[in-house]
Amino acid sequence: MSMLARYLSKTVLAAMLVVLGVISTIDLVFTLADEMASTNRNYSATDAIVYVLRTLPTSVYELLPYVALGGALIGLGVLASSQELLVIQSAGVRTPVLVGWVMLPVLGVMLFSLILGEWIAPALQQQAQSDRALLMSGGQAISSEDGDWRKVGNEFIHINAIAPGGRELFGITVFVLDENRQLVRSSFAAQGRYIENPGVEEPGVEPYWLLTDVAETVFTPEQLFSRQHEQYQWPVDMSPSLLSVLLVRPDRQSISGLWQFARYFDNEGLDSSSYYLAFWKKLLQPLATLSLVLLAVSFVFGPLRETTMGFRVFIAIAMGLTFTIVQRTLGPATILYGISPFVAVLVPILLCALWGVFLLRRV
């Protein structure tokens, strides 16, 4: 790599790091202020701070495309304002080569985004959500405000909290319906753990969930009656790998987790469009980053070559907001009208890339 390439790449990378620091700090302050409003006698301010810090990698991951956009726009803008960009071009460096140099730190951002979004952020997010649900309920995990509902076969299940890894559950409520969709049984268990290899002690037995402190109510046409179980074998078809992402929003899960959960929803006959939408959004995020940076570069070489730094920051914010609004508008629209989620994610990316190429060709 030439000296000019290293200098330009370092300048853009430094601008990206500055933008990342500023945006992350602002996001952290507002998120912490919002989380402090949820504190109670069980969920202290210290717990809120720990929760926000654990979810910070997820926020950083979501901001990385816009960090790359702002860093490229500001970094190249600084070089353009000081006439260094003009000097580099006068030395015989063509515009496509300059664009390639700018993309070098962007590739680093993309690699960091992949590692953060697939292996680091989802695990911390799952643990933060689980610990928060337990703390908010005072360790009893009986609050229906937390957790989520899922349908498995003829059972409707609510789980308040799931330990990281999905092998331990807290606060399990189950409603069982018959073929006529009439309620036949309901139960609540304080805790449950996954028994993966029961065949060692009980040959022929499939994996199951062992529930403890179970209160069961059985409904019959004539009467209903209740009974208690210290332990109860629950043979529901839910693996820990699926449960580990149950309490986490689709847009905050890993790519592999989203694909697995979407296929699970398909097999259960449930609507999986929101999971496919989040899956394609995460899978194509590197392309979104490239298209936004390409658009930023085209603006610096074109309309923003002689503008002030404040105006460049304003344009970066406007471009990021426009991209986000278009993507978030197309997402629900595709779910509503049955269009492929892949199209909803790809269209804004293509629009940015085509606009950037058009402006660069004019230069």
Protein backbone atom coordinates (compact mmCIF):
# COMPACT_ATOMS: atom_id res chain seq x y z
CA MET A 1 0.00 0.00 0.00
CA SER A 2 1.38 3.43 -0.96
CA MET A 3 1.93 6.26 1.48
CA LEU A 4 -0.98 8.22 -0.01
CA ALA A 5 -3.32 5.23 0.36
CA ARG A 6 -2.32 4.77 4.01
CA TYR A 7 -2.74 8.48 4.73
CA LEU A 8 -6.19 8.69 3.18
CA SER A 9 -7.37 5.45 4.81
CA LYS A 10 -6.11 6.53 8.23
CA THR A 11 -7.83 9.90 7.90
CA VAL A 12 -11.16 8.29 7.04
CA LEU A 13 -10.77 5.66 9.77
CA ALA A 14 -9.98 8.34 12.38
CA ALA A 15 -13.10 10.25 11.34
CA MET A 16 -15.17 7.07 11.68
CA LEU A 17 -13.84 6.48 15.20
CA VAL A 18 -14.69 10.04 16.20
CA VAL A 19 -18.21 9.69 14.80
CA LEU A 20 -18.60 6.33 16.57
CA GLY A 21 -17.51 7.84 19.89
CA VAL A 22 -19.87 10.80 19.62
CA ILE A 23 -22.93 8.86 18.46
CA SER A 24 -22.39 6.01 20.95
CA THR A 25 -22.04 8.44 23.84
CA ILE A 26 -25.25 10.25 22.92
CA ASP A 27 -27.10 6.96 22.50
CA LEU A 28 -25.75 5.66 25.81
CA VAL A 29 -26.88 8.75 27.72
CA PHE A 30 -30.42 8.67 26.33
CA THR A 31 -30.75 4.90 26.75
CA LEU A 32 -29.57 5.10 30.34
CA ALA A 33 -31.96 7.94 31.11
CA ASP A 34 -34.83 5.92 29.68
CA GLU A 35 -33.85 2.77 31.60
CA MET A 36 -33.59 4.65 34.89
CA ALA A 37 -37.32 5.31 34.64
CA SER A 38 -37.91 1.53 34.98
CA THR A 39 -36.08 1.14 38.29
CA ASN A 40 -37.94 -0.16 41.36
CA ARG A 41 -37.11 -1.80 44.68
CA ASN A 42 -35.95 -4.95 42.87
CA TYR A 43 -34.32 -3.28 39.86
CA SER A 44 -31.82 -0.71 41.11
CA ALA A 45 -29.93 2.05 39.30
CA THR A 46 -26.82 -0.16 39.32
CA ASP A 47 -28.79 -2.94 37.63
CA ALA A 48 -29.99 -0.45 35.01
CA ILE A 49 -26.42 0.67 34.30
CA VAL A 50 -25.26 -2.94 33.92
CA TYR A 51 -28.17 -3.66 31.60
CA VAL A 52 -27.42 -0.64 29.40
CA LEU A 53 -23.71 -1.51 29.20
CA ARG A 54 -24.56 -5.06 28.16
CA THR A 55 -26.85 -3.81 25.41
CA LEU A 56 -24.33 -1.21 24.22
CA PRO A 57 -22.67 -3.59 21.68
CA THR A 58 -26.08 -4.10 20.05
CA SER A 59 -26.55 -0.34 19.74
CA VAL A 60 -23.04 0.05 18.29
CA TYR A 61 -23.76 -2.69 15.76
CA GLU A 62 -26.93 -0.93 14.61
CA LEU A 63 -25.07 2.38 14.26
CA LEU A 64 -22.06 1.10 12.29
CA PRO A 65 -23.45 1.75 8.76
CA TYR A 66 -24.15 5.37 9.70
CA VAL A 67 -20.77 5.66 11.41
CA ALA A 68 -19.12 4.59 8.15
CA LEU A 69 -21.27 7.09 6.25
CA GLY A 70 -20.46 10.00 8.56
CA GLY A 71 -16.78 9.07 8.85
CA ALA A 72 -16.29 8.88 5.09
CA LEU A 73 -18.14 12.16 4.52
CA ILE A 74 -16.30 14.06 7.25
CA GLY A 75 -12.87 12.49 6.67
CA LEU A 76 -12.88 13.18 2.93
CA GLY A 77 -14.43 16.57 3.61
CA VAL A 78 -11.48 17.56 5.76
CA LEU A 79 -9.07 16.55 2.99
CA ALA A 80 -11.13 18.44 0.41
CA SER A 81 -11.28 21.61 2.56
CA SER A 82 -7.50 21.65 3.00
CA GLN A 83 -7.00 21.04 -0.75
CA GLU A 84 -5.16 17.79 0.03
CA LEU A 85 -7.69 15.83 -2.01
CA LEU A 86 -7.02 18.12 -4.97
CA VAL A 87 -3.26 17.65 -4.58
CA ILE A 88 -3.67 13.84 -4.51
CA GLN A 89 -5.74 13.97 -7.69
CA SER A 90 -3.20 16.32 -9.30
CA ALA A 91 -0.53 13.71 -8.58
CA GLY A 92 -2.30 11.43 -11.07
CA VAL A 93 -4.48 9.40 -8.71
CA ARG A 94 -7.79 8.72 -10.43
CA THR A 95 -11.14 8.92 -8.69
CA PRO A 96 -11.85 5.14 -8.78
CA VAL A 97 -8.52 4.53 -7.03
CA LEU A 98 -9.41 7.08 -4.35
CA VAL A 99 -12.76 5.39 -3.84
CA GLY A 100 -10.93 2.07 -3.40
CA TRP A 101 -8.69 3.60 -0.75
CA VAL A 102 -11.72 4.91 1.13
CA MET A 103 -13.27 1.45 1.06
CA LEU A 104 -10.29 -0.12 2.87
CA PRO A 105 -11.33 1.09 6.36
CA VAL A 106 -14.94 0.35 5.41
CA LEU A 107 -13.99 -3.30 4.95
CA GLY A 108 -12.57 -3.25 8.47
CA VAL A 109 -15.83 -1.79 9.76
CA MET A 110 -17.76 -4.53 7.95
CA LEU A 111 -15.61 -7.27 9.49
CA PHE A 112 -16.00 -5.74 12.94
CA SER A 113 -19.75 -5.51 12.33
CA LEU A 114 -19.95 -9.20 11.45
CA ILE A 115 -18.07 -10.30 14.57
CA LEU A 116 -20.02 -7.93 16.82
CA GLY A 117 -23.45 -8.73 15.39
CA GLU A 118 -23.09 -12.51 15.15
CA TRP A 119 -21.13 -13.54 18.24
CA ILE A 120 -20.79 -10.72 20.79
CA ALA A 121 -23.88 -8.51 20.82
CA PRO A 122 -26.61 -11.23 20.70
CA ALA A 123 -25.11 -13.19 23.62
CA LEU A 124 -24.83 -10.08 25.79
CA GLN A 125 -28.33 -8.98 24.75
CA GLN A 126 -29.82 -12.35 25.72
CA GLN A 127 -28.13 -12.32 29.11
CA ALA A 128 -29.16 -8.71 29.74
CA GLN A 129 -32.80 -9.42 28.85
CA SER A 130 -32.89 -12.54 31.02
CA ASP A 131 -31.31 -10.90 34.06
CA ARG A 132 -33.54 -7.85 33.72
CA ALA A 133 -36.71 -9.97 33.60
CA LEU A 134 -35.67 -11.84 36.75
CA LEU A 135 -34.71 -8.68 38.62
CA MET A 136 -37.86 -6.80 37.65
CA SER A 137 -39.99 -9.58 39.17
CA GLY A 138 -37.92 -9.86 42.34
CA GLY A 139 -36.51 -13.24 41.35
CA GLN A 140 -39.95 -14.86 41.19
CA ALA A 141 -40.46 -14.43 37.45
CA ILE A 142 -44.24 -14.30 37.70
CA SER A 143 -44.87 -10.95 36.02
CA SER A 144 -46.68 -11.31 32.71
CA GLU A 145 -45.35 -7.91 31.62
CA ASP A 146 -42.02 -9.57 30.85
CA GLY A 147 -41.31 -12.52 28.60
CA ASP A 148 -43.14 -13.55 25.46
CA TRP A 149 -45.91 -15.82 24.16
CA ARG A 150 -45.33 -18.65 21.71
CA LYS A 151 -47.54 -21.32 20.13
CA VAL A 152 -46.20 -24.87 19.85
CA GLY A 153 -48.68 -27.39 18.48
CA ASN A 154 -51.85 -27.05 20.57
CA GLU A 155 -50.05 -25.33 23.45
CA PHE A 156 -49.80 -21.58 24.09
CA ILE A 157 -46.73 -20.89 26.19
CA HIS A 158 -45.55 -17.84 28.11
CA ILE A 159 -42.02 -17.78 29.53
CA ASN A 160 -41.03 -14.85 31.72
CA ALA A 161 -37.27 -15.34 31.76
CA ILE A 162 -34.74 -17.59 30.06
CA ALA A 163 -31.20 -18.14 31.28
CA PRO A 164 -28.42 -17.56 28.71
CA GLY A 165 -28.14 -20.63 26.53
CA GLY A 166 -31.84 -21.42 26.89
CA ARG A 167 -31.41 -24.45 29.17
CA GLU A 168 -33.12 -22.96 32.21
CA LEU A 169 -36.57 -21.33 32.29
CA PHE A 170 -38.36 -19.22 34.90
CA GLY A 171 -42.07 -18.60 35.16
CA ILE A 172 -43.60 -20.99 32.60
CA THR A 173 -47.32 -20.64 31.89
CA VAL A 174 -48.96 -23.20 29.55
CA PHE A 175 -52.48 -23.28 28.12
CA VAL A 176 -53.46 -26.48 26.26
CA LEU A 177 -56.34 -26.52 23.76
CA ASP A 178 -58.15 -29.47 22.20
CA GLU A 179 -59.11 -29.99 18.53
CA ASN A 180 -62.12 -27.68 18.99
CA ARG A 181 -59.87 -24.96 20.45
CA GLN A 182 -61.40 -25.40 23.90
CA LEU A 183 -59.20 -24.96 26.95
CA VAL A 184 -58.51 -28.35 28.56
CA ARG A 185 -55.55 -27.63 30.84
CA SER A 186 -53.51 -24.77 32.22
CA SER A 187 -50.42 -24.88 34.36
CA PHE A 188 -47.78 -22.65 35.89
CA ALA A 189 -44.26 -23.77 36.82
CA ALA A 190 -41.78 -21.72 38.79
CA GLN A 191 -38.76 -23.17 37.01
CA GLY A 192 -37.70 -25.65 34.35
CA ARG A 193 -34.49 -27.15 33.01
CA TYR A 194 -33.69 -29.07 29.85
CA ILE A 195 -32.91 -32.81 30.12
CA GLU A 196 -31.02 -33.49 26.92
CA ASN A 197 -29.96 -37.13 27.37
CA PRO A 198 -32.61 -38.90 29.44
CA GLY A 199 -31.93 -42.15 27.54
CA VAL A 200 -28.90 -42.80 29.75
CA GLU A 201 -31.11 -43.42 32.79
CA GLU A 202 -34.42 -43.96 30.97
CA PRO A 203 -33.83 -45.81 27.68
CA GLY A 204 -36.18 -44.81 24.87
CA VAL A 205 -37.17 -41.48 26.44
CA GLU A 206 -36.84 -38.38 24.26
CA PRO A 207 -35.37 -35.09 25.60
CA TYR A 208 -37.83 -33.14 27.73
CA TRP A 209 -38.16 -30.16 30.08
CA LEU A 210 -38.27 -30.96 33.79
CA LEU A 211 -40.58 -28.46 35.47
CA THR A 212 -40.61 -27.87 39.25
CA ASP A 213 -43.28 -26.45 41.57
CA VAL A 214 -46.06 -26.96 39.03
CA ALA A 215 -49.64 -25.81 39.71
CA GLU A 216 -52.00 -27.47 37.21
CA THR A 217 -55.69 -26.88 36.50
CA VAL A 218 -57.65 -29.41 34.42
CA PHE A 219 -60.90 -28.38 32.70
CA THR A 220 -63.60 -30.99 32.00
CA PRO A 221 -67.19 -30.52 30.73
CA GLU A 222 -68.53 -31.18 34.22
CA GLN A 223 -65.95 -29.58 36.49
CA LEU A 224 -62.42 -28.35 36.93
CA PHE A 225 -59.89 -29.46 39.49
CA SER A 226 -56.39 -28.45 40.54
CA ARG A 227 -53.33 -30.42 41.51
CA GLN A 228 -49.71 -29.75 42.45
CA HIS A 229 -46.56 -31.43 41.12
CA GLU A 230 -43.14 -31.14 42.65
CA GLN A 231 -41.72 -32.21 39.28
CA TYR A 232 -43.32 -32.66 35.88
CA GLN A 233 -41.91 -33.92 32.57
CA TRP A 234 -42.91 -31.52 29.78
CA PRO A 235 -42.19 -33.08 26.32
CA VAL A 236 -42.67 -29.90 24.30
CA ASP A 237 -40.74 -29.56 21.03
CA MET A 238 -38.63 -26.51 21.93
CA SER A 239 -34.86 -26.82 21.95
CA PRO A 240 -32.59 -24.55 24.05
CA SER A 241 -31.13 -23.06 20.86
CA LEU A 242 -34.59 -21.73 19.96
CA LEU A 243 -35.43 -20.61 23.48
CA SER A 244 -32.15 -18.73 23.82
CA VAL A 245 -33.48 -16.12 21.37
CA LEU A 246 -37.12 -16.17 22.45
CA LEU A 247 -37.03 -13.01 24.60
CA VAL A 248 -34.83 -10.99 22.25
CA ARG A 249 -36.34 -8.76 19.57
CA PRO A 250 -35.80 -10.04 16.02
CA ASP A 251 -33.60 -7.10 15.03
CA ARG A 252 -31.27 -7.84 17.97
CA GLN A 253 -30.61 -11.51 17.29
CA SER A 254 -27.79 -13.15 15.39
CA ILE A 255 -28.11 -14.01 11.70
CA SER A 256 -28.04 -17.76 12.41
CA GLY A 257 -30.58 -17.39 15.22
CA LEU A 258 -32.95 -15.43 13.00
CA TRP A 259 -32.78 -18.04 10.24
CA GLN A 260 -33.38 -20.89 12.68
CA PHE A 261 -36.31 -19.15 14.36
CA ALA A 262 -37.87 -18.16 11.02
CA ARG A 263 -37.77 -21.79 9.85
CA TYR A 264 -39.25 -22.87 13.17
CA PHE A 265 -42.14 -20.42 12.69
CA ASP A 266 -42.70 -21.79 9.18
CA ASN A 267 -42.89 -25.33 10.51
CA GLU A 268 -45.43 -24.26 13.13
CA GLY A 269 -47.59 -22.49 10.53
CA LEU A 270 -46.97 -19.07 12.12
CA ASP A 271 -46.11 -15.74 10.51
CA SER A 272 -42.33 -15.57 10.13
CA SER A 273 -42.10 -12.45 7.95
CA SER A 274 -40.72 -10.23 10.73
CA TYR A 275 -37.88 -12.71 11.33
CA TYR A 276 -37.07 -13.01 7.63
CA LEU A 277 -37.10 -9.20 7.39
CA ALA A 278 -34.62 -8.90 10.26
CA PHE A 279 -32.55 -11.76 8.77
CA TRP A 280 -32.15 -10.08 5.38
CA LYS A 281 -31.49 -6.71 6.99
CA LYS A 282 -28.60 -8.13 9.00
CA LEU A 283 -27.28 -10.31 6.20
CA LEU A 284 -27.21 -7.39 3.74
CA GLN A 285 -25.92 -4.81 6.23
CA PRO A 286 -22.38 -4.93 4.73
CA LEU A 287 -23.87 -4.00 1.34
CA ALA A 288 -25.85 -1.21 3.01
CA THR A 289 -22.63 0.11 4.54
CA LEU A 290 -20.85 0.03 1.17
CA SER A 291 -23.71 1.80 -0.61
CA LEU A 292 -23.93 4.56 2.03
CA VAL A 293 -20.16 5.15 1.89
CA LEU A 294 -20.24 5.18 -1.91
CA LEU A 295 -22.94 7.84 -1.77
CA ALA A 296 -20.92 9.85 0.75
CA VAL A 297 -17.82 9.69 -1.46
CA SER A 298 -19.79 10.83 -4.49
CA PHE A 299 -21.08 13.84 -2.54
CA VAL A 300 -17.57 14.87 -1.47
CA PHE A 301 -16.23 14.69 -5.04
CA GLY A 302 -19.32 16.44 -6.33
CA PRO A 303 -21.76 18.84 -4.64
CA LEU A 304 -20.03 19.01 -1.21
CA ARG A 305 -16.47 19.65 -2.35
CA GLU A 306 -16.37 23.29 -1.20
CA THR A 307 -18.97 23.29 1.62
CA THR A 308 -18.40 23.79 5.35
CA MET A 309 -17.94 20.98 7.86
CA GLY A 310 -21.25 21.77 9.56
CA PHE A 311 -23.12 21.36 6.29
CA ARG A 312 -21.40 18.02 5.64
CA VAL A 313 -22.49 16.78 9.08
CA PHE A 314 -26.03 17.91 8.29
CA ILE A 315 -25.99 16.05 4.97
CA ALA A 316 -24.64 12.89 6.65
CA ILE A 317 -27.48 13.00 9.19
CA ALA A 318 -30.04 13.67 6.45
CA MET A 319 -28.77 10.79 4.31
CA GLY A 320 -28.78 8.39 7.25
CA LEU A 321 -32.30 9.40 8.30
CA THR A 322 -33.59 9.10 4.74
CA PHE A 323 -32.11 5.63 4.35
CA THR A 324 -33.55 4.52 7.71
CA ILE A 325 -37.01 5.94 6.98
CA VAL A 326 -37.19 4.28 3.55
CA GLN A 327 -36.04 0.94 4.95
CA ARG A 328 -38.42 1.05 7.93
CA THR A 329 -41.31 2.09 5.70
CA LEU A 330 -40.74 -0.66 3.15
CA GLY A 331 -40.38 -3.31 5.86
CA PRO A 332 -43.94 -3.19 7.29
CA ALA A 333 -45.31 -2.55 3.79
CA THR A 334 -43.85 -5.81 2.48
CA ILE A 335 -45.28 -7.71 5.48
CA LEU A 336 -48.68 -6.10 4.90
CA TYR A 337 -48.81 -6.73 1.16
CA GLY A 338 -47.00 -10.07 1.12
CA ILE A 339 -43.90 -8.86 -0.76
CA SER A 340 -40.60 -10.61 -0.15
CA PRO A 341 -38.66 -9.11 2.84
CA PHE A 342 -35.52 -9.49 0.72
CA VAL A 343 -36.92 -6.85 -1.66
CA ALA A 344 -37.68 -4.44 1.20
CA VAL A 345 -34.08 -4.57 2.39
CA LEU A 346 -32.43 -4.57 -1.04
CA VAL A 347 -34.32 -1.64 -2.63
CA PRO A 348 -32.87 1.16 -0.40
CA ILE A 349 -29.39 -0.32 -0.80
CA LEU A 350 -29.67 -0.35 -4.60
CA LEU A 351 -31.05 3.19 -4.65
CA CYS A 352 -28.09 4.49 -2.64
CA ALA A 353 -25.57 2.60 -4.77
CA LEU A 354 -27.10 3.75 -8.07
CA TRP A 355 -27.30 7.35 -6.89
CA GLY A 356 -23.66 7.24 -5.80
CA VAL A 357 -22.49 5.74 -9.09
CA PHE A 358 -24.50 8.34 -11.02
CA LEU A 359 -22.88 11.24 -9.15
CA LEU A 360 -19.39 9.76 -9.51
CA ARG A 361 -19.87 9.34 -13.26
CA ARG A 362 -20.83 13.02 -13.48
CA VAL A 363 -17.59 13.91 -11.71
